[in-house]
Amino acid sequence: MRTILVLNGPNLGRLGSREPDVYGSANLDDLRVMLAAEAGDDVTIDLRQSDDEAELIHWLYEAVDTQSPVILNPAAFTHYSYALRDAASLVTKAGVPLVEVHISNPHARETFRHTSVVSAVATGVIAGFGFDSYRLALNFLTHQP
């Protein structure tokens, strides 16, 4: 059984009620159910959310230590958290894939959202497809050797 960590940053715990015109009306429980259904019997989805930067960093350390692939939505930390970027870099430098995802397309939003400090160290980036961004990342990760 393989585990994929699905890590979500600040304010994503409010999905379903937060700006539904941008993020949709589904919540993290809906995302968990969707990903579990897509994952297949040999993959466990470990979906987590935190508004705490340090907690997200420790979860990335855990990914290195357990060699668990990561789907990461850094949310607002995308644009300025060099600490989170450095922890994400530890993941990919350990040979563990990390896919950065975004529900909305940051490049179609406010200018400050156009820069990601995480993207350069991620294995790949998927943005703008709603929860399908996560589904596409999961598809990539489950088809890795």
Protein backbone atom coordinates (compact mmCIF):
# COMPACT_ATOMS: atom_id res chain seq x y z
CA MET A 1 0.00 0.00 0.00
CA ARG A 2 1.39 3.37 -1.04
CA THR A 3 0.46 6.64 0.69
CA ILE A 4 0.16 9.98 -1.06
CA LEU A 5 0.17 13.06 1.13
CA VAL A 6 -2.26 15.76 0.02
CA LEU A 7 -1.24 18.89 1.91
CA ASN A 8 -3.30 22.06 1.92
CA GLY A 9 -2.27 25.46 3.23
CA PRO A 10 -4.03 28.38 4.87
CA ASN A 11 -7.71 29.12 4.41
CA LEU A 12 -8.35 25.93 2.44
CA GLY A 13 -10.16 24.54 5.46
CA ARG A 14 -12.87 27.05 4.50
CA LEU A 15 -13.46 25.55 1.07
CA GLY A 16 -17.14 25.27 0.33
CA SER A 17 -17.93 28.61 1.94
CA ARG A 18 -14.89 30.72 1.00
CA GLU A 19 -15.35 32.59 -2.29
CA PRO A 20 -17.35 29.86 -4.06
CA ASP A 21 -17.12 31.90 -7.28
CA VAL A 22 -13.34 31.32 -7.21
CA TYR A 23 -12.96 28.00 -5.36
CA GLY A 24 -16.28 26.25 -5.97
CA SER A 25 -18.78 24.94 -3.45
CA ALA A 26 -17.10 21.63 -2.54
CA ASN A 27 -15.11 21.24 0.70
CA LEU A 28 -12.07 19.21 1.76
CA ASP A 29 -14.22 16.21 2.71
CA ASP A 30 -15.56 16.20 -0.84
CA LEU A 31 -12.00 16.36 -2.15
CA ARG A 32 -10.97 13.46 0.11
CA VAL A 33 -13.83 11.29 -1.18
CA MET A 34 -13.08 12.15 -4.81
CA LEU A 35 -9.36 11.38 -4.49
CA ALA A 36 -9.94 8.14 -2.57
CA ALA A 37 -12.30 6.96 -5.32
CA GLU A 38 -9.71 7.83 -7.97
CA ALA A 39 -6.71 6.39 -6.13
CA GLY A 40 -7.46 2.70 -6.42
CA ASP A 41 -7.02 -0.05 -3.88
CA ASP A 42 -3.24 0.13 -3.63
CA VAL A 43 -3.06 3.86 -2.73
CA THR A 44 -4.03 5.60 0.50
CA ILE A 45 -4.85 9.30 0.37
CA ASP A 46 -3.69 11.15 3.49
CA LEU A 47 -5.31 14.57 3.10
CA ARG A 48 -4.36 17.27 5.59
CA GLN A 49 -4.90 21.01 5.96
CA SER A 50 -3.21 23.56 8.18
CA ASP A 51 -3.12 27.31 8.52
CA ASP A 52 0.24 26.86 10.29
CA GLU A 53 3.36 27.16 8.16
CA ALA A 54 5.49 25.16 10.61
CA GLU A 55 3.06 22.24 10.55
CA LEU A 56 3.14 22.11 6.75
CA ILE A 57 6.95 22.15 6.85
CA HIS A 58 7.00 19.22 9.29
CA TRP A 59 4.63 17.28 7.04
CA LEU A 60 7.07 17.82 4.16
CA TYR A 61 9.87 16.45 6.36
CA GLU A 62 7.62 13.45 6.98
CA ALA A 63 7.25 12.99 3.21
CA VAL A 64 11.06 12.82 2.90
CA ASP A 65 11.39 10.40 5.81
CA THR A 66 8.64 8.07 4.53
CA GLN A 67 9.35 8.61 0.82
CA SER A 68 5.69 9.59 0.33
CA PRO A 69 4.75 11.49 -2.84
CA VAL A 70 3.10 14.87 -2.20
CA ILE A 71 0.30 16.90 -3.72
CA LEU A 72 0.79 20.37 -2.23
CA ASN A 73 -1.54 23.33 -2.39
CA PRO A 74 0.52 25.92 -0.51
CA ALA A 75 -2.31 28.49 -0.83
CA ALA A 76 -1.15 31.95 0.29
CA PHE A 77 2.25 30.53 1.32
CA THR A 78 2.85 30.00 -2.42
CA HIS A 79 3.86 33.60 -2.87
CA TYR A 80 6.24 34.29 -0.01
CA SER A 81 7.13 31.32 2.20
CA TYR A 82 10.77 30.59 1.54
CA ALA A 83 10.73 28.21 4.50
CA LEU A 84 7.99 26.13 2.84
CA ARG A 85 9.88 26.33 -0.46
CA ASP A 86 13.04 25.01 1.19
CA ALA A 87 11.11 22.12 2.78
CA ALA A 88 9.51 21.32 -0.60
CA SER A 89 13.00 21.31 -2.10
CA LEU A 90 14.07 18.69 0.44
CA VAL A 91 11.28 16.47 -0.86
CA THR A 92 12.23 16.64 -4.51
CA LYS A 93 15.97 16.49 -3.80
CA ALA A 94 15.27 13.22 -1.95
CA GLY A 95 13.84 11.89 -5.21
CA VAL A 96 10.23 12.10 -4.01
CA PRO A 97 7.77 13.70 -6.43
CA LEU A 98 5.93 16.82 -5.27
CA VAL A 99 3.20 18.34 -7.41
CA GLU A 100 2.13 21.91 -6.64
CA VAL A 101 -1.58 22.40 -7.27
CA HIS A 102 -3.97 25.33 -7.24
CA ILE A 103 -7.74 25.27 -7.54
CA SER A 104 -7.86 28.61 -9.33
CA ASN A 105 -5.44 29.93 -11.92
CA PRO A 106 -3.14 32.29 -9.98
CA HIS A 107 -2.02 33.95 -13.23
CA ALA A 108 -5.59 35.06 -13.96
CA ARG A 109 -5.91 36.73 -10.56
CA GLU A 110 -4.24 39.60 -8.69
CA THR A 111 -0.65 40.38 -9.67
CA PHE A 112 0.79 39.32 -6.31
CA ARG A 113 -0.52 35.79 -6.97
CA HIS A 114 1.49 35.44 -10.19
CA THR A 115 4.71 34.45 -8.42
CA SER A 116 5.23 31.09 -6.75
CA VAL A 117 8.36 30.51 -4.69
CA VAL A 118 7.50 26.79 -4.64
CA SER A 119 7.15 26.10 -8.38
CA ALA A 120 10.87 26.07 -9.14
CA VAL A 121 11.46 23.15 -6.76
CA ALA A 122 8.27 21.21 -7.53
CA THR A 123 8.22 18.23 -9.85
CA GLY A 124 5.33 19.90 -11.67
CA VAL A 125 2.56 22.47 -11.30
CA ILE A 126 -1.15 22.11 -12.10
CA ALA A 127 -3.47 25.08 -11.70
CA GLY A 128 -6.84 26.40 -12.70
CA PHE A 129 -8.88 23.21 -12.98
CA GLY A 130 -10.69 23.27 -9.65
CA PHE A 131 -10.51 19.95 -7.82
CA ASP A 132 -9.47 18.38 -11.11
CA SER A 133 -6.04 19.96 -10.47
CA TYR A 134 -5.69 17.45 -7.62
CA ARG A 135 -7.08 14.62 -9.76
CA LEU A 136 -4.50 15.34 -12.48
CA ALA A 137 -1.70 15.40 -9.90
CA LEU A 138 -2.92 12.10 -8.45
CA ASN A 139 -3.02 10.57 -11.93
CA PHE A 140 0.60 11.61 -12.48
CA LEU A 141 1.74 10.26 -9.11
CA THR A 142 -0.06 6.94 -9.42
CA HIS A 143 1.53 6.31 -12.80
CA GLN A 144 5.08 6.79 -11.53
CA PRO A 145 7.22 3.66 -11.14
